[in-house]
Amino acid sequence: MSKIYIIHENDEWTVHLTNRLEELYLPYESWHLDKGLVDLTTAPPEGIFYNRMSASSHTRGHRYAPELAGGVLSWLEFHGRTVFNGTKALSLELSKINQYTALEASGIKTPKTIAAVGNEQIILAAQKLGKTPFITKHNRAGKGLGVQLFQTKEALEAYVNGPLFEEPIDGITLIQEYIQSFESYITRAEFVGGKYVYAVQVDTSEGFELCPADSCQIGDAFCPVGEEPAMKFEIKEDISASWIERYEAFLQASKIDVAGIEFIRDVSGDIYTYDVNTNTNYNADAEAKAEKYGMLELAKFLGTALESSKINV
């Protein structure tokens, strides 16, 4: 039977989608790729395939899940299966370098960034950037991995050469200009089927742990953006139609079907886009308050695609 196949490595982030698929009586199968094989001697099953492999899989003990997912996606695409967030989307999920070059190619401004491998090169990158303060982050990241704010190059040098230095999983550290925001928040625009769903304002005053999933609790103390407490995640429709069009065009060019795109507005009003999350999650409290539900929209999108695939067989 033709069904929806979900490619992933984290049940906690996927259960919200499968609950919606069950709610809509849609057939599905979960492919948890923390381990497995790719049998190139056989053809994949019939159906549609949705990839939500995460760049942060190694933090859950699934070091090689993205590499296995890449092989599975290539196998599916070779056999002409319908794949959402395929190999090109995965390449952007796993590399900020790939994200920034793709964004810039679409005319979308990103923060000035230099990538480096090796301790001496990281320090050299900060010198070359020539701006203080600045931040570091991991190239293959997710969950705000490696994000730290440095006021001086000397502070970076002490960190890089000290015992607390956090080696990125792919060895690549990014040195990036610090974007001073007028207010302590960023905006994350959510897209399903390449189309805008809603925008969520994310409070960054207590740090840069911006993962909206209910299970994210790493408590990162570093912040790159600088009455009753506001919700950390709150849906607010203050993104302009022109930016929605630009992001949708970028997603189409990059063959990304589902994503959360994060951007920040500096004190001069300029917008910088710094993250494309193709394994996007949604915050339950924010959605309940606004009565907008990303996983429900995603389940509907996948269901429509499944029905279309049956008609076109």
Protein backbone atom coordinates (compact mmCIF):
# COMPACT_ATOMS: atom_id res chain seq x y z
CA MET A 1 0.00 0.00 0.00
CA SER A 2 1.23 3.47 -0.88
CA LYS A 3 1.89 5.56 2.22
CA ILE A 4 3.78 8.50 3.71
CA TYR A 5 7.33 7.66 4.82
CA ILE A 6 9.00 9.89 7.42
CA ILE A 7 12.82 9.89 7.43
CA HIS A 8 14.23 11.05 10.78
CA GLU A 9 16.31 10.20 13.87
CA ASN A 10 14.34 11.66 16.77
CA ASP A 11 10.98 10.22 17.86
CA GLU A 12 10.33 13.13 20.25
CA TRP A 13 10.34 15.58 17.34
CA THR A 14 8.32 13.32 15.04
CA VAL A 15 5.48 12.18 17.27
CA HIS A 16 3.64 15.51 16.83
CA LEU A 17 3.51 14.90 13.08
CA THR A 18 2.48 11.25 13.33
CA ASN A 19 -0.29 12.24 15.75
CA ARG A 20 -1.64 14.62 13.10
CA LEU A 21 -1.36 11.96 10.39
CA GLU A 22 -3.37 9.58 12.55
CA GLU A 23 -5.90 12.32 13.23
CA LEU A 24 -6.38 12.65 9.45
CA TYR A 25 -6.41 8.85 8.95
CA LEU A 26 -3.36 8.98 6.70
CA PRO A 27 -1.20 5.85 6.31
CA TYR A 28 2.43 6.37 7.27
CA GLU A 29 5.63 4.59 8.22
CA SER A 30 8.51 5.96 10.27
CA TRP A 31 12.08 5.34 9.07
CA HIS A 32 14.33 6.01 12.06
CA LEU A 33 17.81 6.16 10.52
CA ASP A 34 20.10 6.00 13.53
CA LYS A 35 21.27 2.80 11.83
CA GLY A 36 20.31 0.77 8.78
CA LEU A 37 21.26 -0.03 5.21
CA VAL A 38 20.64 1.18 1.67
CA ASP A 39 19.95 -1.75 -0.66
CA LEU A 40 20.88 -0.43 -4.10
CA THR A 41 19.87 -3.77 -5.64
CA THR A 42 16.19 -3.14 -4.92
CA ALA A 43 13.62 -0.42 -5.65
CA PRO A 44 12.04 1.63 -2.83
CA PRO A 45 8.42 1.08 -1.86
CA GLU A 46 5.71 3.16 -3.49
CA GLY A 47 4.63 6.29 -1.68
CA ILE A 48 5.89 9.75 -0.80
CA PHE A 49 8.89 10.47 1.39
CA TYR A 50 9.43 13.35 3.79
CA ASN A 51 12.92 13.95 5.15
CA ARG A 52 13.29 15.61 8.55
CA MET A 53 16.83 14.53 9.35
CA SER A 54 18.47 16.87 11.85
CA ALA A 55 21.91 18.47 11.84
CA SER A 56 22.06 17.97 15.62
CA SER A 57 21.58 14.19 15.44
CA HIS A 58 25.06 13.59 16.91
CA THR A 59 23.95 15.21 20.19
CA ARG A 60 21.52 12.28 20.58
CA GLY A 61 24.12 9.60 19.80
CA HIS A 62 23.19 9.33 16.11
CA ARG A 63 26.49 10.45 14.61
CA TYR A 64 26.06 8.95 11.15
CA ALA A 65 22.31 9.31 10.70
CA PRO A 66 22.65 12.28 8.29
CA GLU A 67 25.12 10.39 6.11
CA LEU A 68 22.80 7.37 6.00
CA ALA A 69 19.85 9.65 5.23
CA GLY A 70 21.81 11.19 2.37
CA GLY A 71 22.29 7.75 0.85
CA VAL A 72 18.63 6.86 1.28
CA LEU A 73 17.52 10.12 -0.33
CA SER A 74 19.82 9.59 -3.32
CA TRP A 75 18.39 6.08 -3.71
CA LEU A 76 14.82 7.40 -3.58
CA GLU A 77 15.50 10.20 -6.05
CA PHE A 78 17.27 7.82 -8.44
CA HIS A 79 14.11 5.71 -8.55
CA GLY A 80 11.91 8.75 -9.17
CA ARG A 81 10.07 8.70 -5.87
CA THR A 82 8.41 11.88 -4.61
CA VAL A 83 10.75 13.25 -1.94
CA PHE A 84 10.16 16.38 0.12
CA ASN A 85 13.29 18.02 1.52
CA GLY A 86 15.56 15.81 -0.57
CA THR A 87 19.32 15.71 -1.04
CA LYS A 88 19.73 19.43 -1.76
CA ALA A 89 17.71 20.39 1.32
CA LEU A 90 19.77 17.99 3.44
CA SER A 91 23.01 19.57 2.22
CA LEU A 92 21.77 22.93 3.52
CA GLU A 93 20.56 21.45 6.80
CA LEU A 94 24.03 20.07 7.49
CA SER A 95 26.08 23.14 6.57
CA LYS A 96 25.74 26.80 7.46
CA ILE A 97 28.27 27.50 4.70
CA ASN A 98 25.91 25.96 2.17
CA GLN A 99 23.00 27.90 3.67
CA TYR A 100 24.71 31.26 3.48
CA THR A 101 25.97 30.83 -0.07
CA ALA A 102 22.49 29.74 -1.20
CA LEU A 103 20.84 32.67 0.58
CA GLU A 104 23.28 35.19 -0.87
CA ALA A 105 22.78 33.68 -4.34
CA SER A 106 19.07 34.50 -3.91
CA GLY A 107 19.86 38.09 -2.94
CA ILE A 108 19.20 37.56 0.78
CA LYS A 109 21.69 39.23 3.12
CA THR A 110 23.49 37.10 5.71
CA PRO A 111 25.87 38.18 8.49
CA LYS A 112 29.54 38.46 7.52
CA THR A 113 30.97 35.01 8.22
CA ILE A 114 34.34 33.25 7.95
CA ALA A 115 34.67 29.47 8.31
CA ALA A 116 37.77 27.89 9.80
CA VAL A 117 39.24 24.48 10.59
CA GLY A 118 42.00 24.35 13.18
CA ASN A 119 42.58 26.45 16.30
CA GLU A 120 45.08 28.82 14.69
CA GLN A 121 42.75 29.35 11.73
CA ILE A 122 39.82 30.16 14.02
CA ILE A 123 41.84 32.93 15.65
CA LEU A 124 43.03 34.12 12.22
CA ALA A 125 39.41 34.21 11.04
CA ALA A 126 38.49 36.55 13.90
CA GLN A 127 41.39 38.82 13.01
CA LYS A 128 40.34 38.77 9.37
CA LEU A 129 36.72 39.56 10.24
CA GLY A 130 37.99 42.70 11.97
CA LYS A 131 34.81 43.33 13.96
CA THR A 132 34.10 43.14 17.66
CA PRO A 133 32.09 41.83 19.30
CA PHE A 134 31.56 38.67 17.24
CA ILE A 135 30.09 35.22 17.70
CA THR A 136 31.17 31.67 17.03
CA LYS A 137 28.90 28.84 15.93
CA HIS A 138 29.21 25.36 14.52
CA ASN A 139 28.85 24.81 10.80
CA ARG A 140 26.81 21.65 11.36
CA ALA A 141 24.71 22.85 14.21
CA GLY A 142 21.08 22.89 15.32
CA LYS A 143 19.96 23.78 18.86
CA GLY A 144 22.34 26.77 18.94
CA LEU A 145 25.42 24.53 19.08
CA GLY A 146 28.68 26.40 19.60
CA VAL A 147 27.04 29.83 19.72
CA GLN A 148 29.09 32.12 21.95
CA LEU A 149 29.58 35.86 22.08
CA PHE A 150 33.11 37.29 22.31
CA GLN A 151 33.98 40.89 23.05
CA THR A 152 37.66 40.57 22.12
CA LYS A 153 39.94 38.41 19.99
CA GLU A 154 41.98 37.68 23.12
CA ALA A 155 38.92 36.11 24.77
CA LEU A 156 38.42 33.89 21.73
CA GLU A 157 42.07 32.83 21.78
CA ALA A 158 41.83 31.86 25.44
CA TYR A 159 38.68 29.84 24.74
CA VAL A 160 40.00 28.08 21.63
CA ASN A 161 43.22 27.07 23.37
CA GLY A 162 41.53 26.17 26.66
CA PRO A 163 39.84 23.04 28.00
CA LEU A 164 36.29 24.27 27.36
CA PHE A 165 36.63 24.56 23.59
CA GLU A 166 33.77 22.71 21.88
CA GLU A 167 34.95 20.98 18.71
CA PRO A 168 32.27 21.00 15.96
CA ILE A 169 31.22 17.58 14.70
CA ASP A 170 32.47 18.42 11.17
CA GLY A 171 35.50 20.34 12.45
CA ILE A 172 34.29 23.67 11.01
CA THR A 173 33.85 26.68 13.29
CA LEU A 174 32.21 29.84 12.00
CA ILE A 175 33.26 33.33 13.08
CA GLN A 176 30.39 35.70 12.47
CA GLU A 177 29.67 39.38 12.97
CA TYR A 178 27.44 40.21 15.90
CA ILE A 179 24.13 41.71 14.80
CA GLN A 180 22.90 44.20 17.38
CA SER A 181 19.13 44.03 17.46
CA PHE A 182 16.93 46.94 18.48
CA GLU A 183 15.02 44.50 20.69
CA SER A 184 16.05 41.11 22.09
CA TYR A 185 14.20 38.88 19.69
CA ILE A 186 14.52 37.19 16.33
CA THR A 187 11.82 36.14 13.90
CA ARG A 188 11.31 32.66 12.53
CA ALA A 189 9.14 32.29 9.43
CA GLU A 190 7.58 28.86 8.87
CA PHE A 191 6.91 27.40 5.44
CA VAL A 192 5.10 24.21 4.39
CA GLY A 193 5.00 23.08 0.79
CA GLY A 194 7.23 26.05 0.01
CA LYS A 195 4.47 28.43 1.14
CA TYR A 196 4.35 30.75 4.15
CA VAL A 197 2.34 29.54 7.16
CA TYR A 198 3.15 32.00 9.96
CA ALA A 199 5.94 33.90 11.70
CA VAL A 200 6.95 33.42 15.32
CA GLN A 201 8.80 36.00 17.40
CA VAL A 202 11.43 34.38 19.61
CA ASP A 203 12.67 36.10 22.77
CA THR A 204 16.47 35.82 23.00
CA SER A 205 17.00 37.82 26.18
CA GLU A 206 17.91 34.70 28.16
CA GLY A 207 20.12 33.08 25.56
CA PHE A 208 20.25 31.54 22.13
CA GLU A 209 18.43 28.23 22.68
CA LEU A 210 15.91 28.82 19.91
CA CYS A 211 14.70 25.29 19.29
CA PRO A 212 10.88 25.56 19.54
CA ALA A 213 10.30 21.86 20.17
CA ASP A 214 8.78 21.03 23.55
CA SER A 215 11.67 18.64 24.32
CA CYS A 216 14.49 21.19 23.80
CA GLN A 217 16.01 22.04 27.17
CA ILE A 218 19.77 22.62 26.86
CA GLY A 219 19.84 26.02 28.57
CA ASP A 220 22.55 27.71 26.51
CA ALA A 221 23.71 30.83 28.37
CA PHE A 222 25.12 32.73 25.42
CA CYS A 223 23.21 35.30 23.36
CA PRO A 224 24.21 36.65 19.93
CA VAL A 225 21.42 39.23 19.70
CA GLY A 226 21.44 41.40 21.98
CA GLU A 227 5.10 43.68 33.70
CA GLU A 228 4.51 39.89 33.18
CA PRO A 229 7.25 38.04 31.28
CA ALA A 230 6.43 37.55 27.61
CA MET A 231 6.24 34.11 26.03
CA LYS A 232 9.56 33.01 24.58
CA PHE A 233 7.77 31.95 21.39
CA GLU A 234 4.87 34.05 20.17
CA ILE A 235 3.20 34.07 16.77
CA LYS A 236 3.14 37.62 15.43
CA GLU A 237 2.35 38.48 11.84
CA ASP A 238 4.82 41.31 11.28
CA ILE A 239 6.72 39.89 8.30
CA SER A 240 6.19 41.83 5.09
CA ALA A 241 4.73 40.32 1.92
CA SER A 242 7.92 41.20 0.02
CA TRP A 243 10.04 39.14 2.41
CA ILE A 244 7.62 36.23 2.20
CA GLU A 245 8.01 36.30 -1.58
CA ARG A 246 11.80 36.41 -1.31
CA TYR A 247 11.93 33.48 1.07
CA GLU A 248 9.49 31.43 -1.01
CA ALA A 249 11.62 32.05 -4.11
CA PHE A 250 14.72 30.97 -2.18
CA LEU A 251 13.04 27.77 -1.02
CA GLN A 252 11.95 26.94 -4.56
CA ALA A 253 15.45 27.54 -5.93
CA SER A 254 16.95 25.39 -3.16
CA LYS A 255 14.40 22.56 -3.54
CA ILE A 256 13.28 22.95 0.08
CA ASP A 257 9.64 22.13 0.79
CA VAL A 258 9.42 22.54 4.57
CA ALA A 259 11.55 24.94 6.61
CA GLY A 260 11.80 27.52 9.34
CA ILE A 261 13.87 30.54 8.30
CA GLU A 262 15.31 32.74 11.05
CA PHE A 263 16.22 36.40 10.64
CA ILE A 264 17.08 39.41 12.75
CA ARG A 265 16.61 43.15 12.25
CA ASP A 266 19.51 45.36 13.39
CA VAL A 267 19.32 48.82 14.97
CA SER A 268 19.33 50.42 11.51
CA GLY A 269 16.41 48.30 10.34
CA ASP A 270 18.47 46.06 8.04
CA ILE A 271 17.45 42.40 7.96
CA TYR A 272 19.99 39.56 8.19
CA THR A 273 19.00 35.94 7.62
CA TYR A 274 21.19 33.49 9.52
CA ASP A 275 19.50 30.08 9.69
CA VAL A 276 17.48 27.74 7.49
CA ASN A 277 16.10 24.83 9.50
CA THR A 278 14.75 22.09 7.23
CA ASN A 279 13.94 19.95 10.28
CA THR A 280 11.61 22.59 11.63
CA ASN A 281 9.60 22.16 14.81
CA TYR A 282 6.72 24.18 16.24
CA ASN A 283 6.02 25.49 19.72
CA ALA A 284 2.78 24.10 21.14
CA ASP A 285 2.00 27.02 23.48
CA ALA A 286 2.49 29.66 20.80
CA GLU A 287 0.37 27.71 18.33
CA ALA A 288 -2.45 27.12 20.80
CA LYS A 289 -2.62 30.82 21.61
CA ALA A 290 -2.74 31.81 17.93
CA GLU A 291 -4.81 28.77 16.86
CA LYS A 292 -2.37 28.01 14.06
CA TYR A 293 -0.80 24.56 13.82
CA GLY A 294 2.26 23.86 11.73
CA MET A 295 2.21 20.07 12.03
CA LEU A 296 -1.44 19.98 11.03
CA GLU A 297 -0.66 22.02 7.91
CA LEU A 298 2.26 19.70 7.18
CA ALA A 299 0.10 16.58 7.61
CA LYS A 300 -2.51 18.04 5.25
CA PHE A 301 0.21 18.85 2.71
CA LEU A 302 1.61 15.31 2.84
CA GLY A 303 -1.88 13.84 2.60
CA THR A 304 -2.66 15.87 -0.52
CA ALA A 305 0.65 14.79 -2.05
CA LEU A 306 -0.13 11.13 -1.28
CA GLU A 307 -3.52 11.34 -2.97
CA SER A 308 -1.96 13.04 -5.98
CA SER A 309 0.67 10.30 -6.28
CA LYS A 310 -2.07 7.63 -6.40
CA ILE A 311 -3.87 9.48 -9.19
CA ASN A 312 -0.68 9.89 -11.22
CA VAL A 313 0.41 6.24 -10.97
